[in-house]
N, C-alpha and C. Protein backbone atom coordinates (compact mmCIF):
# COMPACT_ATOMS: atom_id res chain seq x y z
N MET A 1 -12.55 32.62 180.25
CA MET A 1 -13.41 33.35 179.97
C MET A 1 -13.96 32.45 178.39
N SER A 2 -15.19 32.14 178.25
CA SER A 2 -15.44 31.38 177.23
C SER A 2 -15.28 31.60 176.13
N GLY A 3 -15.54 31.12 175.15
CA GLY A 3 -15.22 30.66 173.69
C GLY A 3 -16.09 32.21 172.85
N THR A 4 -18.10 31.91 173.48
CA THR A 4 -18.62 32.62 173.26
C THR A 4 -18.52 34.21 174.03
N ILE A 5 -17.98 34.14 175.26
CA ILE A 5 -17.74 35.77 175.60
C ILE A 5 -16.21 35.65 174.90
N ASP A 6 -15.65 35.21 174.76
CA ASP A 6 -14.61 35.91 173.64
C ASP A 6 -15.34 36.42 172.51
N LEU A 7 -16.01 35.56 171.74
CA LEU A 7 -16.18 36.18 170.56
C LEU A 7 -17.09 37.35 170.36
N CYS A 8 -17.77 37.71 171.45
CA CYS A 8 -18.75 39.06 171.41
C CYS A 8 -17.87 39.60 171.55
N LYS A 9 -16.25 39.60 172.86
CA LYS A 9 -15.54 40.93 172.43
C LYS A 9 -15.08 41.14 171.50
N GLY A 10 -14.90 39.67 170.66
CA GLY A 10 -13.91 40.35 168.95
C GLY A 10 -15.25 41.28 168.39
N ILE A 11 -16.27 40.66 168.49
CA ILE A 11 -17.20 41.33 167.26
C ILE A 11 -17.05 43.24 167.86
N ASN A 12 -17.59 43.22 169.51
CA ASN A 12 -17.06 44.36 169.70
C ASN A 12 -15.69 45.31 169.45
N GLY A 13 -14.71 44.64 168.95
CA GLY A 13 -14.21 44.90 168.85
C GLY A 13 -13.91 45.41 167.27
N ALA A 14 -14.44 44.63 166.66
CA ALA A 14 -14.28 44.93 165.09
C ALA A 14 -15.30 45.85 164.43
N TRP A 15 -16.78 46.26 165.41
CA TRP A 15 -17.46 47.02 165.58
C TRP A 15 -16.21 48.89 165.65
N ASP A 16 -15.71 48.15 166.97
CA ASP A 16 -15.46 49.96 167.40
C ASP A 16 -13.95 50.46 166.48
N ALA A 17 -13.69 48.77 165.06
CA ALA A 17 -12.09 49.33 164.25
C ALA A 17 -12.75 49.86 163.42
N SER A 18 -14.38 49.33 162.51
CA SER A 18 -15.11 49.96 161.33
C SER A 18 -15.53 51.79 162.02
N SER A 19 -16.11 52.04 160.80
CA SER A 19 -16.67 53.76 161.02
C SER A 19 -18.28 53.42 161.13
N LEU A 20 -18.83 52.22 162.30
CA LEU A 20 -19.89 51.70 161.74
C LEU A 20 -20.45 52.91 162.73
N GLU A 21 -19.53 53.71 164.26
CA GLU A 21 -20.06 53.86 164.93
C GLU A 21 -20.65 55.70 164.85
N SER A 22 -19.58 56.24 164.12
CA SER A 22 -20.07 57.27 163.62
C SER A 22 -20.68 57.46 162.44
N THR A 23 -21.14 56.18 161.61
CA THR A 23 -22.31 56.35 160.83
C THR A 23 -23.90 56.82 161.19
N PHE A 24 -23.92 55.80 162.06
CA PHE A 24 -24.95 55.35 163.03
C PHE A 24 -25.27 57.16 163.06
N LYS A 25 -24.35 57.42 164.07
CA LYS A 25 -24.19 58.88 164.87
C LYS A 25 -24.55 59.91 164.34
N SER A 26 -24.25 59.99 163.06
CA SER A 26 -24.56 60.92 162.12
C SER A 26 -25.65 61.35 162.11
N TYR A 27 -27.00 60.54 162.28
CA TYR A 27 -28.12 60.77 162.29
C TYR A 27 -28.89 60.92 163.19
N TRP A 28 -27.94 61.13 164.47
CA TRP A 28 -28.87 61.64 165.39
C TRP A 28 -28.91 63.11 166.02
N ASN A 29 -29.53 63.15 166.51
CA ASN A 29 -30.29 64.42 166.87
C ASN A 29 -28.87 64.99 167.17
N ASP A 30 -28.36 64.68 168.32
CA ASP A 30 -26.73 65.70 169.08
C ASP A 30 -25.84 64.67 169.23
N PRO A 31 -25.26 63.89 167.43
CA PRO A 31 -24.11 62.70 167.69
C PRO A 31 -23.08 62.70 168.32
N THR A 32 -22.96 64.24 169.43
CA THR A 32 -21.90 63.83 170.48
C THR A 32 -22.45 63.12 171.95
N GLU A 33 -23.92 62.63 172.06
CA GLU A 33 -23.89 61.79 173.18
C GLU A 33 -23.16 60.97 173.15
N SER A 34 -22.70 61.34 174.39
CA SER A 34 -21.32 60.43 175.09
C SER A 34 -22.19 59.48 176.11
N GLU A 35 -23.09 59.13 176.63
CA GLU A 35 -23.93 58.15 177.23
C GLU A 35 -24.35 56.95 176.96
N PHE A 36 -24.48 57.36 175.91
CA PHE A 36 -25.34 56.34 174.89
C PHE A 36 -24.16 56.15 173.62
N TYR A 37 -24.25 54.60 173.32
CA TYR A 37 -23.30 53.95 172.07
C TYR A 37 -24.05 53.32 170.85
N VAL A 38 -23.47 52.94 169.89
CA VAL A 38 -24.61 52.63 168.87
C VAL A 38 -24.92 51.30 168.90
N PHE A 39 -23.91 50.52 169.16
CA PHE A 39 -24.12 49.10 169.76
C PHE A 39 -24.47 48.50 170.56
N ASN A 40 -24.78 47.74 171.13
CA ASN A 40 -25.57 47.34 172.22
C ASN A 40 -25.73 45.65 172.38
N ASP A 41 -25.48 45.07 173.72
CA ASP A 41 -25.59 43.93 173.81
C ASP A 41 -26.30 43.45 174.60
N GLN A 42 -27.46 42.90 173.68
CA GLN A 42 -28.65 42.36 174.18
C GLN A 42 -30.19 43.12 174.40
N GLU A 43 -29.93 44.43 174.58
CA GLU A 43 -30.88 45.34 175.07
C GLU A 43 -30.09 46.92 174.93
N ALA A 44 -30.70 48.02 174.33
CA ALA A 44 -30.48 49.35 174.23
C ALA A 44 -31.00 49.77 175.89
N PRO A 45 -30.30 50.94 176.40
CA PRO A 45 -31.08 51.68 177.42
C PRO A 45 -32.61 52.35 177.48
N ALA A 46 -32.95 52.85 178.01
CA ALA A 46 -33.83 54.08 177.73
C ALA A 46 -33.81 55.18 176.92
N GLU A 47 -33.88 55.91 176.61
CA GLU A 47 -33.51 56.99 176.00
C GLU A 47 -32.47 56.64 174.45
N GLN A 48 -32.40 55.68 174.25
CA GLN A 48 -31.33 55.17 173.54
C GLN A 48 -31.88 56.00 172.44
N PRO A 49 -31.18 57.12 171.49
CA PRO A 49 -30.83 57.72 170.94
C PRO A 49 -31.00 56.49 169.42
N SER A 50 -32.20 56.97 168.16
CA SER A 50 -32.45 56.57 167.40
C SER A 50 -31.19 57.00 165.69
N PRO A 51 -31.01 56.31 165.29
CA PRO A 51 -30.58 54.75 165.01
C PRO A 51 -29.52 53.67 166.09
N TYR A 52 -29.82 52.79 166.08
CA TYR A 52 -29.09 51.40 167.09
C TYR A 52 -29.24 50.27 167.01
N VAL A 53 -28.28 49.51 167.81
CA VAL A 53 -27.80 48.47 166.88
C VAL A 53 -28.36 47.51 168.10
N VAL A 54 -28.48 46.32 168.22
CA VAL A 54 -28.93 45.34 169.48
C VAL A 54 -27.48 44.26 168.70
N MET A 55 -27.26 43.90 169.57
CA MET A 55 -26.43 42.53 169.02
C MET A 55 -27.13 41.80 170.36
N GLY A 56 -27.79 40.45 169.37
CA GLY A 56 -28.78 39.52 170.29
C GLY A 56 -28.07 38.10 169.54
N GLN A 57 -28.24 37.22 170.48
CA GLN A 57 -27.92 35.86 170.25
C GLN A 57 -28.70 34.42 171.38
N PRO A 58 -29.28 34.17 170.09
CA PRO A 58 -30.55 32.74 170.42
C PRO A 58 -29.45 31.73 170.53
N MET A 59 -29.85 30.71 171.79
CA MET A 59 -29.51 29.65 172.43
C MET A 59 -28.81 28.68 170.96
N GLN A 60 -27.77 28.51 171.54
CA GLN A 60 -26.53 27.83 170.72
C GLN A 60 -26.89 25.95 171.17
N GLY A 61 -26.59 25.30 170.01
CA GLY A 61 -26.25 23.59 170.18
C GLY A 61 -25.22 23.75 170.59
N PRO A 62 -25.36 22.28 170.52
CA PRO A 62 -23.71 21.70 171.24
C PRO A 62 -22.50 22.10 170.51
N PRO A 63 -21.14 22.32 171.27
CA PRO A 63 -20.37 22.21 170.64
C PRO A 63 -19.85 20.77 169.67
N SER A 64 -18.73 20.78 169.01
CA SER A 64 -17.85 19.80 168.62
C SER A 64 -16.58 19.76 169.55
N ARG A 65 -16.24 19.09 169.78
CA ARG A 65 -15.06 18.64 171.05
C ARG A 65 -13.74 17.27 170.03
N GLN A 66 -12.93 18.45 170.47
CA GLN A 66 -11.74 17.50 170.10
C GLN A 66 -11.00 17.19 171.14
N SER A 67 -9.61 16.36 171.16
CA SER A 67 -7.91 16.92 171.53
C SER A 67 -7.53 16.96 170.71
N GLY A 68 -6.17 17.43 171.02
CA GLY A 68 -5.04 17.91 170.10
C GLY A 68 -3.78 17.39 170.48
N GLY A 69 -3.25 16.73 168.89
CA GLY A 69 -1.67 16.50 169.03
C GLY A 69 -1.74 15.15 170.48
N GLY A 70 -2.84 14.35 170.62
CA GLY A 70 -2.82 12.92 171.62
C GLY A 70 -2.08 13.59 173.04
N VAL A 71 -2.66 15.04 173.25
CA VAL A 71 -2.05 15.57 174.55
C VAL A 71 -3.69 15.28 175.13
N ALA A 72 -4.19 14.51 176.32
CA ALA A 72 -5.36 14.49 177.03
C ALA A 72 -5.98 15.88 177.63
N THR A 73 -4.93 16.40 177.69
CA THR A 73 -5.10 17.82 178.68
C THR A 73 -4.97 18.74 177.32
N LYS A 74 -4.95 18.91 176.04
CA LYS A 74 -5.19 19.91 174.97
C LYS A 74 -6.37 19.68 174.67
N LYS A 75 -7.39 20.41 174.80
CA LYS A 75 -9.36 19.94 174.31
C LYS A 75 -9.56 21.34 173.74
N ARG A 76 -10.11 21.05 172.56
CA ARG A 76 -10.59 22.49 171.59
C ARG A 76 -12.12 22.26 171.27
N GLU A 77 -12.50 23.35 171.57
CA GLU A 77 -14.42 22.51 170.81
C GLU A 77 -13.98 23.98 169.66
N THR A 78 -14.94 22.93 168.71
CA THR A 78 -15.12 24.17 167.62
C THR A 78 -16.47 24.45 167.21
N ARG A 79 -17.25 26.01 167.64
CA ARG A 79 -18.58 26.34 167.65
C ARG A 79 -18.99 27.59 166.89
N ASP A 80 -20.29 27.01 166.31
CA ASP A 80 -20.87 27.57 165.43
C ASP A 80 -22.23 28.82 166.49
N VAL A 81 -21.82 29.68 166.37
CA VAL A 81 -22.43 30.82 167.30
C VAL A 81 -23.16 31.78 166.19
N GLU A 82 -24.57 31.66 166.51
CA GLU A 82 -25.70 32.46 166.14
C GLU A 82 -25.40 33.91 166.49
N ILE A 83 -25.82 34.84 165.83
CA ILE A 83 -25.39 36.68 166.29
C ILE A 83 -26.39 37.10 165.46
N ASN A 84 -27.47 37.94 165.64
CA ASN A 84 -27.88 38.65 165.25
C ASN A 84 -27.50 39.82 165.98
N PHE A 85 -27.50 41.12 164.09
CA PHE A 85 -27.55 42.18 164.66
C PHE A 85 -28.78 42.85 164.29
N ASN A 86 -29.29 43.66 165.00
CA ASN A 86 -31.35 44.32 165.23
C ASN A 86 -31.00 45.34 165.00
N VAL A 87 -30.92 46.13 163.77
CA VAL A 87 -30.62 47.55 163.33
C VAL A 87 -32.38 48.09 163.98
N HIS A 88 -32.26 48.77 165.25
CA HIS A 88 -33.81 49.91 165.52
C HIS A 88 -33.45 51.16 164.98
N VAL A 89 -34.57 51.90 163.70
CA VAL A 89 -34.41 53.24 163.39
C VAL A 89 -35.87 53.66 163.29
N GLU A 90 -35.89 54.42 163.98
CA GLU A 90 -37.37 55.33 163.76
C GLU A 90 -37.35 56.21 162.98
N THR A 91 -39.00 57.19 161.92
CA THR A 91 -38.76 57.93 160.78
C THR A 91 -37.89 58.98 161.06
N ASP A 92 -36.52 59.38 159.70
CA ASP A 92 -36.04 60.46 160.27
C ASP A 92 -36.89 61.47 159.88
N ALA A 93 -36.60 62.47 160.74
CA ALA A 93 -37.98 63.55 161.71
C ALA A 93 -37.54 64.77 160.46
N ASP A 94 -36.43 64.84 159.62
CA ASP A 94 -37.02 65.13 157.75
C ASP A 94 -37.75 65.06 157.19
N GLY A 95 -37.78 63.59 156.98
CA GLY A 95 -38.88 62.62 156.36
C GLY A 95 -37.90 62.48 154.96
N VAL A 96 -37.35 62.56 154.42
CA VAL A 96 -35.74 62.28 153.96
C VAL A 96 -36.39 60.77 153.47
N ASP A 97 -35.70 59.76 154.66
CA ASP A 97 -35.90 58.75 154.84
C ASP A 97 -36.79 57.64 155.39
N THR A 98 -37.49 56.78 155.17
CA THR A 98 -38.45 56.46 156.00
C THR A 98 -37.94 55.31 156.55
N ALA A 99 -38.36 55.26 158.07
CA ALA A 99 -37.82 54.22 158.89
C ALA A 99 -37.28 52.43 158.09
N LYS A 100 -37.86 51.93 156.84
CA LYS A 100 -37.88 50.62 156.26
C LYS A 100 -36.28 51.61 155.37
N GLU A 101 -36.30 52.00 154.48
CA GLU A 101 -35.42 52.42 153.61
C GLU A 101 -34.44 52.98 154.56
N LEU A 102 -34.10 53.93 155.70
CA LEU A 102 -32.83 53.83 156.33
C LEU A 102 -32.09 52.81 157.13
N ALA A 103 -33.25 52.06 157.90
CA ALA A 103 -32.98 50.45 157.96
C ALA A 103 -31.73 49.84 157.08
N GLY A 104 -32.57 49.64 155.91
CA GLY A 104 -32.04 48.86 155.15
C GLY A 104 -30.85 49.09 154.27
N GLU A 105 -30.57 50.88 154.64
CA GLU A 105 -29.38 51.62 154.23
C GLU A 105 -28.03 50.78 155.51
N LEU A 106 -28.58 51.14 156.82
CA LEU A 106 -28.07 50.78 157.77
C LEU A 106 -27.09 49.56 158.13
N ALA A 107 -28.46 48.70 157.70
CA ALA A 107 -28.34 47.18 157.47
C ALA A 107 -26.71 47.11 156.61
N GLY A 108 -27.24 47.80 154.91
CA GLY A 108 -26.10 47.67 154.33
C GLY A 108 -24.41 47.74 154.86
N GLU A 109 -24.84 48.49 155.49
CA GLU A 109 -23.36 49.77 155.85
C GLU A 109 -22.79 48.24 157.36
N ILE A 110 -23.39 47.70 157.37
CA ILE A 110 -22.81 46.39 158.70
C ILE A 110 -22.71 45.32 157.75
N MET A 111 -23.09 45.01 156.68
CA MET A 111 -23.06 43.97 155.93
C MET A 111 -21.42 44.09 155.36
N ALA A 112 -21.41 45.49 154.79
CA ALA A 112 -19.99 45.35 154.08
C ALA A 112 -19.06 45.47 155.06
N VAL A 113 -19.22 45.39 156.56
CA VAL A 113 -18.06 45.33 157.55
C VAL A 113 -17.99 43.83 157.79
N PHE A 114 -18.78 43.06 157.89
CA PHE A 114 -19.07 41.91 158.56
C PHE A 114 -19.45 40.52 157.40
N GLY A 115 -19.84 41.37 156.33
CA GLY A 115 -20.65 40.40 155.47
C GLY A 115 -21.81 40.15 154.85
N GLY A 116 -22.23 40.01 154.08
CA GLY A 116 -23.33 39.50 152.85
C GLY A 116 -23.84 41.09 152.41
N HIS A 117 -22.99 41.65 152.07
CA HIS A 117 -23.21 43.36 150.92
C HIS A 117 -22.92 42.45 149.68
N PRO A 118 -24.29 42.67 148.54
CA PRO A 118 -24.08 42.82 146.96
C PRO A 118 -22.96 42.98 146.54
N THR A 119 -21.88 43.84 146.82
CA THR A 119 -21.07 44.30 146.17
C THR A 119 -19.55 44.61 146.96
N ILE A 120 -19.89 44.62 148.03
CA ILE A 120 -18.42 44.80 148.63
C ILE A 120 -17.88 43.93 149.66
N SER A 121 -16.79 43.54 149.31
CA SER A 121 -16.16 42.19 150.68
C SER A 121 -15.94 42.85 152.47
N PRO A 122 -16.65 41.86 153.00
CA PRO A 122 -16.29 42.00 154.36
C PRO A 122 -14.89 42.25 154.65
N THR A 123 -14.68 43.45 155.75
CA THR A 123 -13.73 43.74 156.07
C THR A 123 -13.08 43.97 157.84
N ALA A 124 -14.17 42.76 158.22
CA ALA A 124 -13.96 42.88 159.98
C ALA A 124 -12.61 41.77 160.35
N ILE A 125 -12.42 42.28 161.17
CA ILE A 125 -11.26 41.03 161.21
C ILE A 125 -11.52 41.26 163.50
N ILE A 126 -11.80 39.72 163.43
CA ILE A 126 -12.49 39.09 164.75
C ILE A 126 -11.14 38.84 165.70
N ALA A 127 -10.80 39.02 166.25
CA ALA A 127 -10.33 38.74 166.84
C ALA A 127 -10.20 37.87 168.32
N LEU A 128 -10.18 36.88 168.73
CA LEU A 128 -10.51 36.57 170.17
C LEU A 128 -9.23 36.49 171.30
N ASP A 129 -8.98 36.21 172.13
CA ASP A 129 -8.01 36.57 173.22
C ASP A 129 -7.79 34.79 173.57
N HIS A 130 -8.55 34.22 173.41
CA HIS A 130 -8.25 32.52 173.65
C HIS A 130 -9.16 32.03 172.33
N GLY A 131 -8.26 31.55 170.77
CA GLY A 131 -8.63 31.01 170.62
C GLY A 131 -9.15 31.28 169.13
N GLU A 132 -9.09 31.04 168.17
CA GLU A 132 -9.79 30.95 166.45
C GLU A 132 -10.55 31.71 166.53
N HIS A 133 -11.33 32.37 165.67
CA HIS A 133 -12.02 32.95 165.00
C HIS A 133 -12.27 32.36 163.25
N LEU A 134 -12.72 31.34 162.87
CA LEU A 134 -12.38 30.66 161.66
C LEU A 134 -12.81 31.10 160.73
N ILE A 135 -14.45 31.40 160.72
CA ILE A 135 -15.22 32.16 159.62
C ILE A 135 -16.67 32.92 159.89
N THR A 136 -16.54 33.72 159.68
CA THR A 136 -17.70 34.62 159.78
C THR A 136 -18.90 34.34 157.89
N GLN A 137 -20.02 33.42 158.76
CA GLN A 137 -21.00 33.72 157.16
C GLN A 137 -22.70 34.07 157.13
N TYR A 138 -22.59 35.02 156.41
CA TYR A 138 -24.09 35.78 156.40
C TYR A 138 -25.21 35.01 155.95
N GLN A 139 -26.28 34.56 156.77
CA GLN A 139 -27.38 33.26 157.00
C GLN A 139 -28.28 33.91 156.15
N ASN A 140 -28.89 35.30 156.24
CA ASN A 140 -29.81 36.04 156.49
C ASN A 140 -30.05 37.56 156.59
N ASP A 141 -31.17 38.05 156.42
CA ASP A 141 -31.65 39.57 156.14
C ASP A 141 -32.89 39.42 155.80
N TYR A 142 -33.68 40.34 156.93
CA TYR A 142 -34.94 41.17 156.66
C TYR A 142 -35.56 42.17 157.46
N GLY A 143 -36.84 42.20 157.22
CA GLY A 143 -37.01 43.40 157.84
C GLY A 143 -38.62 43.22 158.64
N VAL A 144 -38.38 44.11 159.40
CA VAL A 144 -39.81 43.71 160.72
C VAL A 144 -40.25 45.63 160.74
N LYS A 145 -41.61 45.51 160.66
CA LYS A 145 -42.30 47.21 161.02
C LYS A 145 -42.39 46.91 162.40
N THR A 146 -41.90 47.68 163.40
CA THR A 146 -41.60 47.55 165.08
C THR A 146 -43.11 48.85 165.05
N GLY A 147 -43.34 49.75 164.67
CA GLY A 147 -43.85 50.94 165.21
C GLY A 147 -44.58 51.54 163.68
N ASN A 148 -45.67 52.30 164.14
CA ASN A 148 -46.28 53.30 163.31
C ASN A 148 -44.69 54.20 162.44
N ASP A 149 -44.10 54.38 162.98
CA ASP A 149 -42.89 54.92 162.33
C ASP A 149 -41.60 53.96 162.99
N GLU A 150 -41.48 53.01 162.94
CA GLU A 150 -40.61 52.53 163.49
C GLU A 150 -40.19 51.37 162.93
N TYR A 151 -38.51 50.88 162.62
CA TYR A 151 -39.18 49.34 162.06
C TYR A 151 -37.70 48.64 162.20
N GLN A 152 -37.40 47.70 162.06
CA GLN A 152 -35.78 46.96 162.37
C GLN A 152 -35.81 46.11 161.54
N TRP A 153 -34.22 46.50 161.11
CA TRP A 153 -33.57 45.65 160.70
C TRP A 153 -32.66 44.21 160.93
N VAL A 154 -33.01 42.72 160.93
CA VAL A 154 -32.51 42.08 161.14
C VAL A 154 -31.51 41.08 160.39
N ILE A 155 -30.11 40.97 161.04
CA ILE A 155 -28.94 40.62 159.87
C ILE A 155 -28.32 38.72 161.28
N VAL A 156 -28.39 38.27 160.06
CA VAL A 156 -27.91 37.20 161.09
C VAL A 156 -26.94 36.74 160.94
N TYR A 157 -26.19 36.07 161.52
CA TYR A 157 -24.81 35.92 160.80
C TYR A 157 -24.69 33.97 161.50
N LEU A 158 -23.68 33.50 161.24
CA LEU A 158 -22.98 32.29 161.98
C LEU A 158 -21.88 32.31 161.92
N PHE A 159 -20.94 32.61 163.49
CA PHE A 159 -19.64 32.93 163.49
C PHE A 159 -18.72 31.17 163.69
N ARG A 160 -17.64 30.78 163.25
CA ARG A 160 -17.66 29.39 163.69
C ARG A 160 -15.56 29.86 164.35
N ILE A 161 -15.63 29.18 165.88
CA ILE A 161 -14.60 29.30 165.95
C ILE A 161 -13.93 28.30 166.46
N ASP A 162 -12.75 27.96 167.05
CA ASP A 162 -12.09 26.84 167.52
C ASP A 162 -11.78 28.23 168.80
N VAL A 163 -12.08 27.00 170.04
CA VAL A 163 -11.43 27.55 171.43
C VAL A 163 -10.86 26.32 172.17
N PRO A 164 -10.62 26.84 172.88
CA PRO A 164 -9.66 25.34 173.82
C PRO A 164 -10.74 25.89 175.07
N VAL A 165 -10.72 24.47 175.69
CA VAL A 165 -11.50 24.83 176.57
C VAL A 165 -11.30 23.17 177.70
N ALA A 166 -11.58 23.45 179.12
CA ALA A 166 -10.73 22.32 179.80
C ALA A 166 -12.11 21.48 180.59
N VAL A 167 -12.19 20.59 180.34
CA VAL A 167 -12.99 19.63 180.73
C VAL A 167 -13.14 18.28 181.86
């Protein structure tokens, strides 16, 4: 398993260990909808209830490689992997929150878990099967209007991992 695949698995584990799934589902018309998940990899399925999150990953640069302990067969890579959390929201039916307000609130919930919240230290523990998660660095967040009653809030993270690799 590549380090990046392992990282995605670790991020999913951190998401599952948090209360984010239930927080998002509390806004669904039917929060017990079992065929859908809030957290999606690369794209959401058709008919996905709102709000939801899509984890995106842009192309990555080359890793930094080293061999450890003088043993030529023990190779490691330190990778900086950019991951985006894209919060998708449609205007709340009762009109209490605009899509932008709700997207910003939910982005704040994610930042409280993974980092970037202005007052709450991150709680996520990213466990890798092969290697080690070194640090999660919050990079940026911003909102984008995607339709008349739809809004997207993007949170950008850089995950630094140290993983074994056979070359």
